[in-house]
Amino acid sequence: MTGAVVVAAMLAACSGSTVESGALTEVSTVVTEAAPSTDETSPTVIGSTVATPAAPTTETPVTTTTPVVPLAGWDAVDHYLDVAVVRGGSQAVSASVSRDGVALHDVAIGTRVAGTPVTPADRFRIASISKTITAITVLRLVEDGVVALDGPVGGLVAERLGVAPVAGASDITVRHLLTHRSGFAQYEDLFFRHEVESCRQAAVVGLTRPLAVPPGTTFRYSNLNFCVLGILIEEVTGQSYEAVVDAQLLAPLGLEGLRLAGTFDVQPGDVEHRSEAGRNYMEVLGAAGAWVAPTGALVTILDSLDLTTPGWKPLRADTVAEMMTITVDPVEPVDPLAEPAAPTTTPPPPESGYGMGVMIFGPGSYGHTGTVESTHAMVVHRPDGITWAIAVSGDYPASTRQLARIVDNALLLGGFTDGSYRTIPPPLES
């Protein structure tokens, strides 16, 4: 039986309804009137339904609909998350929801550490959602004139690191880094195979090895882009990256307790995550993926980019518009030697892709995903005004697409959406 069918069956057994393809279907029970059986075989338990082997009978079965009182509202949402994630095998899940910038609900299910229940205030690893935090902070510095969006910074960072940049690296701009168009290779081994000890060491490698492509040429997702942005923030401000983020973003939003964490660094209020011995990816990721945060804080941060909602806003409208713009690669001429040369054209931007530190899920929908060892996280603003965030400690579900489907189904089951919009993450590494 597939995972989806198991979840549907468990929901049917527990609440009297099942979700399949976004629709709710009533569950019926067939009751067979039979003569007493002398068979002492133990009954089979399926969810909360007990099926007892019966003696053969020739009487006509009577089909009835079991009267149930289905869960509704946030009870239904919480129950669905429990069944789909924690009973699916993960240690803990936390979720938060707002509409039009107003917080509606926070829930946490499972354990923070063995024997201690998790709470909505507890911090989960958020992995690459850290990139959105870094992007907003950098763009704040751009608005303040501390650094230029289209000014070259690769040479500056290399100089501060004490190395000579490889050819082309000096031309890397803040925009290139924010949009993953710097030309850096993906460098997964740097971040996840213990080849270096810190983000700064990773940046030395990236700035001195040949670029995969010239800066600005094409999109290539790499954690190194945001690692370098974190170093840039420190070098142009003279403060630690974490302190600048707090001053520029977290404190004005009234958020406390968020922090950069190490791979095996679990402090009070942190949800424990399983990590393979010898790993050090959190130390190396830094600004690209080392934040831990409660899901409510993620909703608050993303809502701050919606200028139609109440509250303090970190960026101007024109900056937010640029942040949400998907950069596309120009189409090269079929024959560049033709006389006259065929013009290079740029196609219209797709509906989903990557902006500046945000994933664009479709018209009016944006956010980011985050995946690292035993961690899945996601924050999404929907076109109907709903913003949700979810974080999981554990290995289930296995993909962010499954995670998005779980949240969409939970909100539908609770009656908070009509199912007309489904969150589909773009096919990007996170």
Protein backbone atom coordinates (compact mmCIF):
# COMPACT_ATOMS: atom_id res chain seq x y z
CA MET A 1 0.00 0.00 0.00
CA THR A 2 1.43 3.38 -0.93
CA GLY A 3 2.07 6.14 1.62
CA ALA A 4 -0.76 8.22 0.19
CA VAL A 5 -3.21 5.35 0.50
CA VAL A 6 -2.06 4.62 4.04
CA VAL A 7 -2.64 8.25 5.04
CA ALA A 8 -6.06 8.24 3.42
CA ALA A 9 -7.00 5.01 5.17
CA MET A 10 -5.85 6.29 8.54
CA LEU A 11 -7.79 9.48 8.10
CA ALA A 12 -10.87 7.55 7.14
CA ALA A 13 -10.58 5.38 10.21
CA CYS A 14 -9.98 8.30 12.57
CA SER A 15 -12.29 10.97 11.23
CA GLY A 16 -14.82 9.30 8.98
CA SER A 17 -13.64 11.04 5.82
CA THR A 18 -10.79 10.73 3.39
CA VAL A 19 -8.99 13.16 1.10
CA GLU A 20 -8.27 12.00 -2.40
CA SER A 21 -7.38 14.32 -5.28
CA GLY A 22 -8.61 17.25 -3.23
CA ALA A 23 -12.11 15.86 -2.72
CA LEU A 24 -13.85 14.66 0.42
CA THR A 25 -15.71 11.34 0.15
CA GLU A 26 -18.01 9.78 2.72
CA VAL A 27 -16.91 6.49 4.24
CA SER A 28 -19.49 3.72 4.44
CA THR A 29 -19.36 0.58 6.55
CA VAL A 30 -20.87 -2.73 5.47
CA VAL A 31 -22.46 -4.54 8.42
CA THR A 32 -23.08 -8.24 7.87
CA GLU A 33 -25.60 -9.94 10.15
CA ALA A 34 -24.28 -13.42 10.75
CA ALA A 35 -24.83 -16.39 13.02
CA PRO A 36 -22.49 -16.59 16.00
CA SER A 37 -19.14 -18.02 15.05
CA THR A 38 -17.14 -20.54 17.01
CA ASP A 39 -13.95 -19.41 15.30
CA GLU A 40 -11.70 -18.01 18.04
CA THR A 41 -9.32 -16.26 15.63
CA SER A 42 -8.39 -12.80 16.97
CA PRO A 43 -10.07 -9.92 15.18
CA THR A 44 -7.98 -7.91 12.69
CA VAL A 45 -7.56 -4.23 13.59
CA ILE A 46 -7.43 -1.72 10.73
CA GLY A 47 -7.12 1.81 12.07
CA SER A 48 -10.06 2.08 14.43
CA THR A 49 -12.18 -0.44 12.50
CA VAL A 50 -12.31 -4.02 13.79
CA ALA A 51 -12.99 -6.74 11.24
CA THR A 52 -13.98 -10.07 12.86
CA PRO A 53 -14.03 -13.21 10.70
CA ALA A 54 -17.64 -14.44 10.52
CA ALA A 55 -19.21 -17.81 9.83
CA PRO A 56 -20.67 -18.33 6.36
CA THR A 57 -24.17 -16.97 6.01
CA THR A 58 -26.82 -16.83 3.33
CA GLU A 59 -28.58 -13.79 4.77
CA THR A 60 -28.59 -10.58 2.74
CA PRO A 61 -25.98 -8.02 3.93
CA VAL A 62 -27.37 -4.75 5.19
CA THR A 63 -25.40 -1.67 4.07
CA THR A 64 -25.54 1.36 6.32
CA THR A 65 -23.67 4.65 6.55
CA THR A 66 -21.81 4.99 9.83
CA PRO A 67 -22.82 8.23 11.54
CA VAL A 68 -19.68 10.24 12.21
CA VAL A 69 -18.91 13.73 13.42
CA PRO A 70 -15.98 14.73 11.17
CA LEU A 71 -13.27 16.97 12.50
CA ALA A 72 -13.48 20.54 11.26
CA GLY A 73 -11.51 23.74 11.33
CA TRP A 74 -8.08 23.75 12.92
CA ASP A 75 -8.78 20.43 14.67
CA ALA A 76 -8.98 18.84 11.23
CA VAL A 77 -5.79 20.57 10.09
CA ASP A 78 -3.87 19.45 13.18
CA HIS A 79 -5.17 15.90 12.93
CA TYR A 80 -4.18 15.67 9.28
CA LEU A 81 -0.64 16.89 10.00
CA ASP A 82 -0.35 14.39 12.85
CA VAL A 83 -1.46 11.48 10.68
CA ALA A 84 0.41 12.50 7.55
CA VAL A 85 3.74 13.47 9.12
CA VAL A 86 4.32 12.28 12.69
CA ARG A 87 2.48 8.97 12.40
CA GLY A 88 4.14 8.71 8.99
CA GLY A 89 7.45 8.33 10.80
CA SER A 90 8.90 11.77 11.54
CA GLN A 91 9.84 13.00 15.01
CA ALA A 92 8.07 16.36 14.97
CA VAL A 93 6.18 18.84 12.82
CA SER A 94 5.28 22.48 13.38
CA ALA A 95 3.05 24.66 11.22
CA SER A 96 1.80 28.26 11.26
CA VAL A 97 -0.83 30.01 9.16
CA SER A 98 -1.84 33.63 8.58
CA ARG A 99 -4.30 35.34 6.28
CA ASP A 100 -3.79 38.89 5.02
CA GLY A 101 -0.96 39.31 7.49
CA VAL A 102 -2.99 38.30 10.55
CA ALA A 103 -1.78 35.21 12.44
CA LEU A 104 -4.46 32.51 12.57
CA HIS A 105 -2.94 29.32 13.92
CA ASP A 106 0.21 27.66 15.27
CA VAL A 107 0.56 23.96 16.00
CA ALA A 108 3.38 21.60 16.95
CA ILE A 109 3.11 17.81 17.16
CA GLY A 110 5.70 15.27 18.27
CA THR A 111 8.76 15.62 20.48
CA ARG A 112 11.46 18.30 20.69
CA VAL A 113 13.82 15.80 22.28
CA ALA A 114 13.01 12.33 23.58
CA GLY A 115 10.29 12.58 26.21
CA THR A 116 9.68 16.32 25.74
CA PRO A 117 6.72 17.49 23.62
CA VAL A 118 7.49 20.04 20.92
CA THR A 119 5.79 23.47 21.12
CA PRO A 120 5.06 26.10 18.44
CA ALA A 121 7.78 28.31 19.97
CA ASP A 122 10.49 25.70 19.41
CA ARG A 123 13.10 26.21 16.70
CA PHE A 124 13.49 23.87 13.72
CA ARG A 125 16.23 23.86 11.13
CA ILE A 126 14.92 25.83 8.16
CA ALA A 127 17.80 25.05 5.76
CA SER A 128 17.57 27.09 2.54
CA ILE A 129 14.74 29.30 3.81
CA SER A 130 17.78 31.03 5.35
CA LYS A 131 18.41 32.42 1.86
CA THR A 132 15.27 34.56 2.05
CA ILE A 133 16.45 35.99 5.38
CA THR A 134 19.85 36.78 3.84
CA ALA A 135 18.30 38.27 0.70
CA ILE A 136 16.07 40.70 2.60
CA THR A 137 19.03 41.79 4.73
CA VAL A 138 21.26 42.39 1.69
CA LEU A 139 18.53 44.33 -0.10
CA ARG A 140 18.10 46.50 2.99
CA LEU A 141 21.80 47.37 2.68
CA VAL A 142 21.30 48.08 -1.03
CA GLU A 143 18.47 50.50 -0.23
CA ASP A 144 20.68 52.20 2.36
CA GLY A 145 23.47 52.65 -0.20
CA VAL A 146 25.91 50.43 1.70
CA VAL A 147 26.38 48.17 -1.32
CA ALA A 148 25.25 48.39 -4.97
CA LEU A 149 22.93 45.76 -6.44
CA ASP A 150 24.78 45.71 -9.76
CA GLY A 151 28.24 46.65 -8.51
CA PRO A 152 30.98 44.00 -8.66
CA VAL A 153 31.73 42.49 -5.24
CA GLY A 154 33.54 39.23 -6.04
CA GLY A 155 36.92 40.94 -6.00
CA LEU A 156 36.18 42.67 -2.69
CA VAL A 157 35.23 39.44 -0.95
CA ALA A 158 38.29 37.65 -2.38
CA GLU A 159 40.55 40.48 -1.19
CA ARG A 160 39.11 40.34 2.33
CA LEU A 161 39.66 36.58 2.32
CA GLY A 162 43.29 37.10 1.29
CA VAL A 163 43.14 35.38 -2.10
CA ALA A 164 43.40 36.41 -5.73
CA PRO A 165 40.07 35.85 -7.54
CA VAL A 166 39.98 33.53 -10.53
CA ALA A 167 39.25 35.06 -13.93
CA GLY A 168 35.69 36.41 -14.02
CA ALA A 169 35.08 36.21 -10.27
CA SER A 170 35.78 39.93 -9.78
CA ASP A 171 32.78 40.68 -12.02
CA ILE A 172 30.29 38.88 -9.77
CA THR A 173 27.63 41.31 -8.49
CA VAL A 174 25.14 41.24 -5.63
CA ARG A 175 22.38 40.60 -8.18
CA HIS A 176 24.29 37.63 -9.60
CA LEU A 177 24.60 36.12 -6.12
CA LEU A 178 20.95 36.73 -5.17
CA THR A 179 19.69 35.14 -8.40
CA HIS A 180 22.17 32.20 -8.52
CA ARG A 181 23.76 33.57 -11.68
CA SER A 182 27.30 34.09 -10.38
CA GLY A 183 28.80 31.28 -12.43
CA PHE A 184 29.78 29.23 -9.37
CA ALA A 185 29.52 25.47 -9.63
CA GLN A 186 27.13 23.74 -7.23
CA TYR A 187 29.94 22.51 -4.93
CA GLU A 188 27.82 20.01 -3.01
CA ASP A 189 30.98 18.31 -1.70
CA LEU A 190 32.15 21.54 -0.06
CA PHE A 191 28.98 21.80 1.99
CA PHE A 192 28.03 18.19 2.64
CA ARG A 193 31.22 16.09 2.44
CA HIS A 194 33.33 17.82 5.12
CA GLU A 195 35.87 19.17 2.62
CA VAL A 196 36.07 22.51 4.45
CA GLU A 197 35.31 23.73 7.97
CA SER A 198 33.49 27.02 7.38
CA CYS A 199 31.62 29.20 4.93
CA ARG A 200 34.74 31.37 4.53
CA GLN A 201 36.82 28.36 3.55
CA ALA A 202 34.15 27.36 1.04
CA ALA A 203 34.20 30.88 -0.43
CA VAL A 204 37.99 30.72 -0.87
CA VAL A 205 37.54 27.57 -2.95
CA GLY A 206 34.74 29.06 -5.05
CA LEU A 207 36.54 32.34 -5.75
CA THR A 208 39.83 30.70 -6.75
CA ARG A 209 38.65 27.74 -8.85
CA PRO A 210 37.50 28.30 -12.45
CA LEU A 211 33.87 29.39 -12.72
CA ALA A 212 31.47 26.94 -14.33
CA VAL A 213 30.12 29.71 -16.59
CA PRO A 214 30.76 33.47 -16.84
CA PRO A 215 28.83 35.61 -14.31
CA GLY A 216 25.32 36.54 -15.44
CA THR A 217 25.19 33.81 -18.07
CA THR A 218 22.70 31.34 -16.66
CA PHE A 219 20.91 30.16 -13.51
CA ARG A 220 22.85 27.61 -11.48
CA TYR A 221 21.59 26.98 -7.92
CA SER A 222 24.51 26.96 -5.48
CA ASN A 223 24.71 27.44 -1.73
CA LEU A 224 28.01 29.22 -2.35
CA ASN A 225 26.15 32.29 -3.65
CA PHE A 226 24.54 32.98 -0.28
CA CYS A 227 27.62 31.91 1.66
CA VAL A 228 29.48 34.73 -0.17
CA LEU A 229 26.61 37.15 0.52
CA GLY A 230 26.92 36.43 4.23
CA ILE A 231 30.64 37.25 4.11
CA LEU A 232 29.90 40.41 2.10
CA ILE A 233 27.43 41.57 4.76
CA GLU A 234 30.12 41.22 7.42
CA GLU A 235 32.80 42.97 5.37
CA VAL A 236 30.75 46.03 4.38
CA THR A 237 29.24 46.53 7.85
CA GLY A 238 32.08 45.50 10.14
CA GLN A 239 29.62 43.40 12.18
CA SER A 240 28.80 39.72 12.35
CA TYR A 241 26.30 38.44 9.81
CA GLU A 242 23.95 37.33 12.60
CA ALA A 243 24.05 40.75 14.29
CA VAL A 244 23.26 42.57 11.03
CA VAL A 245 20.30 40.28 10.29
CA ASP A 246 18.95 40.90 13.77
CA ALA A 247 19.29 44.69 13.48
CA GLN A 248 18.04 44.97 9.90
CA LEU A 249 15.20 42.44 9.94
CA LEU A 250 14.43 40.38 13.02
CA ALA A 251 14.32 43.07 15.71
CA PRO A 252 12.09 45.46 13.69
CA LEU A 253 9.68 42.54 13.16
CA GLY A 254 9.68 41.78 16.89
CA LEU A 255 11.26 38.36 16.39
CA GLU A 256 13.51 36.89 19.06
CA GLY A 257 15.36 33.63 19.52
CA LEU A 258 16.23 32.88 15.89
CA ARG A 259 19.88 31.94 15.54
CA LEU A 260 22.56 30.27 13.47
CA ALA A 261 23.12 26.72 14.67
CA GLY A 262 25.83 24.12 14.26
CA THR A 263 25.26 20.63 12.96
CA PHE A 264 25.29 19.10 16.45
CA ASP A 265 24.50 22.30 18.34
CA VAL A 266 21.20 21.76 20.16
CA GLN A 267 20.26 24.45 22.68
CA PRO A 268 17.14 24.70 24.86
CA GLY A 269 14.22 25.41 22.56
CA ASP A 270 15.84 23.73 19.54
CA VAL A 271 14.23 20.64 18.05
CA GLU A 272 16.73 17.80 17.93
CA HIS A 273 17.61 16.62 14.43
CA ARG A 274 19.41 13.44 13.52
CA SER A 275 22.75 13.98 11.77
CA GLU A 276 25.34 11.50 10.60
CA ALA A 277 28.52 11.51 12.70
CA GLY A 278 31.29 13.66 11.26
CA ARG A 279 29.03 16.01 9.31
CA ASN A 280 29.53 19.81 9.51
CA TYR A 281 27.19 21.22 6.88
CA MET A 282 25.52 23.77 9.17
CA GLU A 283 28.87 25.39 9.98
CA VAL A 284 29.71 25.61 6.27
CA LEU A 285 26.29 26.73 5.02
CA GLY A 286 26.12 29.81 7.24
CA ALA A 287 23.98 32.46 5.55
CA ALA A 288 22.86 29.89 2.97
CA GLY A 289 21.16 27.49 5.36
CA ALA A 290 22.13 27.48 9.04
CA TRP A 291 19.24 29.36 10.68
CA VAL A 292 16.89 27.68 13.15
CA ALA A 293 13.50 29.27 13.76
CA PRO A 294 9.90 28.61 14.81
CA THR A 295 7.46 28.43 11.91
CA GLY A 296 5.53 31.45 13.17
CA ALA A 297 8.63 33.59 12.59
CA LEU A 298 8.86 32.35 9.00
CA VAL A 299 5.27 33.45 8.35
CA THR A 300 5.99 36.86 9.87
CA ILE A 301 9.09 37.32 7.68
CA LEU A 302 7.30 36.34 4.48
CA ASP A 303 4.26 38.48 5.31
CA SER A 304 6.60 41.46 5.63
CA LEU A 305 7.10 41.26 1.85
CA ASP A 306 3.35 41.70 1.23
CA LEU A 307 2.92 45.46 1.20
CA THR A 308 -0.88 45.17 1.39
CA THR A 309 -0.78 43.72 4.91
CA PRO A 310 -0.32 45.58 8.22
CA GLY A 311 2.97 45.90 10.04
CA TRP A 312 6.53 47.03 9.46
CA LYS A 313 7.93 46.43 5.97
CA PRO A 314 11.67 45.97 5.40
CA LEU A 315 11.77 46.87 1.70
CA ARG A 316 10.35 49.46 -0.68
CA ALA A 317 7.78 48.45 -3.27
CA ASP A 318 10.25 48.71 -6.17
CA THR A 319 12.75 46.50 -4.34
CA VAL A 320 10.10 43.88 -3.59
CA ALA A 321 9.06 43.92 -7.26
CA GLU A 322 12.66 43.22 -8.32
CA MET A 323 12.95 40.52 -5.69
CA MET A 324 9.91 38.76 -7.15
CA THR A 325 11.09 38.98 -10.78
CA ILE A 326 12.31 35.78 -12.41
CA THR A 327 15.42 36.36 -14.52
CA VAL A 328 15.46 34.28 -17.70
CA ASP A 329 18.32 33.36 -20.00
CA PRO A 330 18.41 35.14 -23.37
CA VAL A 331 17.98 32.99 -26.46
CA GLU A 332 21.14 32.94 -28.55
CA PRO A 333 20.84 33.63 -32.30
CA VAL A 334 20.49 30.49 -34.39
CA ASP A 335 23.34 31.70 -36.62
CA PRO A 336 25.39 34.44 -34.94
CA LEU A 337 27.53 34.81 -38.10
CA ALA A 338 24.58 35.58 -40.34
CA GLU A 339 24.56 38.97 -42.11
CA PRO A 340 22.87 40.74 -40.49
CA ALA A 341 23.11 38.70 -37.32
CA ALA A 342 19.82 37.39 -35.98
CA PRO A 343 18.92 39.43 -32.87
CA THR A 344 19.22 37.91 -29.44
CA THR A 345 15.82 37.81 -27.78
CA THR A 346 14.67 37.25 -24.24
CA PRO A 347 11.56 35.14 -23.71
CA PRO A 348 8.86 36.27 -21.27
CA PRO A 349 9.50 35.11 -17.70
CA PRO A 350 7.90 31.80 -16.72
CA GLU A 351 5.22 31.63 -14.03
CA SER A 352 7.52 29.80 -11.63
CA GLY A 353 11.24 29.96 -10.98
CA TYR A 354 13.69 31.92 -8.84
CA GLY A 355 13.75 35.61 -8.02
CA MET A 356 16.19 37.17 -5.53
CA GLY A 357 16.32 34.80 -2.58
CA VAL A 358 12.72 33.71 -3.13
CA MET A 359 11.13 30.93 -5.14
CA ILE A 360 8.20 31.98 -7.28
CA PHE A 361 5.54 29.25 -7.19
CA GLY A 362 3.14 30.98 -9.59
CA PRO A 363 1.34 34.31 -10.04
CA GLY A 364 0.97 35.90 -6.60
CA SER A 365 2.68 33.00 -4.82
CA TYR A 366 6.22 32.95 -3.47
CA GLY A 367 8.36 31.64 -0.63
CA HIS A 368 11.18 29.14 -0.27
CA THR A 369 11.86 25.51 0.51
CA GLY A 370 14.54 24.07 2.75
CA THR A 371 15.96 20.56 2.81
CA VAL A 372 18.92 19.21 4.71
CA GLU A 373 19.64 15.96 6.57
CA SER A 374 16.46 14.84 8.41
CA THR A 375 14.85 18.22 7.76
CA HIS A 376 12.14 19.55 5.48
CA ALA A 377 10.83 23.09 5.73
CA MET A 378 8.74 25.33 3.51
CA VAL A 379 7.13 28.78 3.67
CA VAL A 380 4.57 29.92 1.09
CA HIS A 381 2.49 33.01 0.43
CA ARG A 382 -0.56 32.11 -1.66
CA PRO A 383 -2.51 34.40 -4.02
CA ASP A 384 -5.59 34.13 -1.76
CA GLY A 385 -3.74 35.91 1.08
CA ILE A 386 -2.89 32.79 3.08
CA THR A 387 0.72 32.41 4.22
CA TRP A 388 1.81 29.14 5.75
CA ALA A 389 5.04 27.64 7.04
CA ILE A 390 5.84 24.08 7.99
CA ALA A 391 8.95 22.44 9.41
CA VAL A 392 9.60 18.73 9.92
CA SER A 393 12.26 16.94 11.93
CA GLY A 394 12.51 13.52 10.33
CA ASP A 395 12.70 11.87 6.95
CA TYR A 396 9.01 11.89 6.02
CA PRO A 397 7.75 13.24 3.70
CA ALA A 398 10.59 12.62 1.29
CA SER A 399 10.13 15.69 -0.92
CA THR A 400 8.98 19.29 -0.70
CA ARG A 401 6.27 18.54 -3.27
CA GLN A 402 4.80 15.99 -0.88
CA LEU A 403 5.13 18.51 1.94
CA ALA A 404 3.25 21.15 -0.04
CA ARG A 405 0.53 18.63 -0.89
CA ILE A 406 0.12 17.73 2.78
CA VAL A 407 -0.39 21.37 3.79
CA ASP A 408 -2.77 22.05 0.90
CA ASN A 409 -4.82 18.98 1.85
CA ALA A 410 -4.87 19.96 5.53
CA LEU A 411 -6.16 23.47 4.76
CA LEU A 412 -8.77 22.02 2.41
CA LEU A 413 -9.91 19.48 5.00
CA GLY A 414 -10.20 22.23 7.60
CA GLY A 415 -12.38 24.31 5.30
CA PHE A 416 -9.90 27.18 4.93
CA THR A 417 -9.45 26.80 1.16
CA ASP A 418 -11.59 25.54 -1.69
CA GLY A 419 -8.85 23.47 -3.30
CA SER A 420 -8.66 25.64 -6.41
CA TYR A 421 -5.01 26.56 -5.76
CA ARG A 422 -2.30 23.96 -5.25
CA THR A 423 1.27 24.84 -4.29
CA ILE A 424 3.78 23.37 -6.75
CA PRO A 425 7.43 24.11 -5.91
CA PRO A 426 9.58 24.83 -8.97
CA PRO A 427 12.06 22.06 -9.86
CA LEU A 428 14.98 23.67 -8.01
CA GLU A 429 17.47 22.31 -5.50
CA SER A 430 16.84 23.71 -2.02
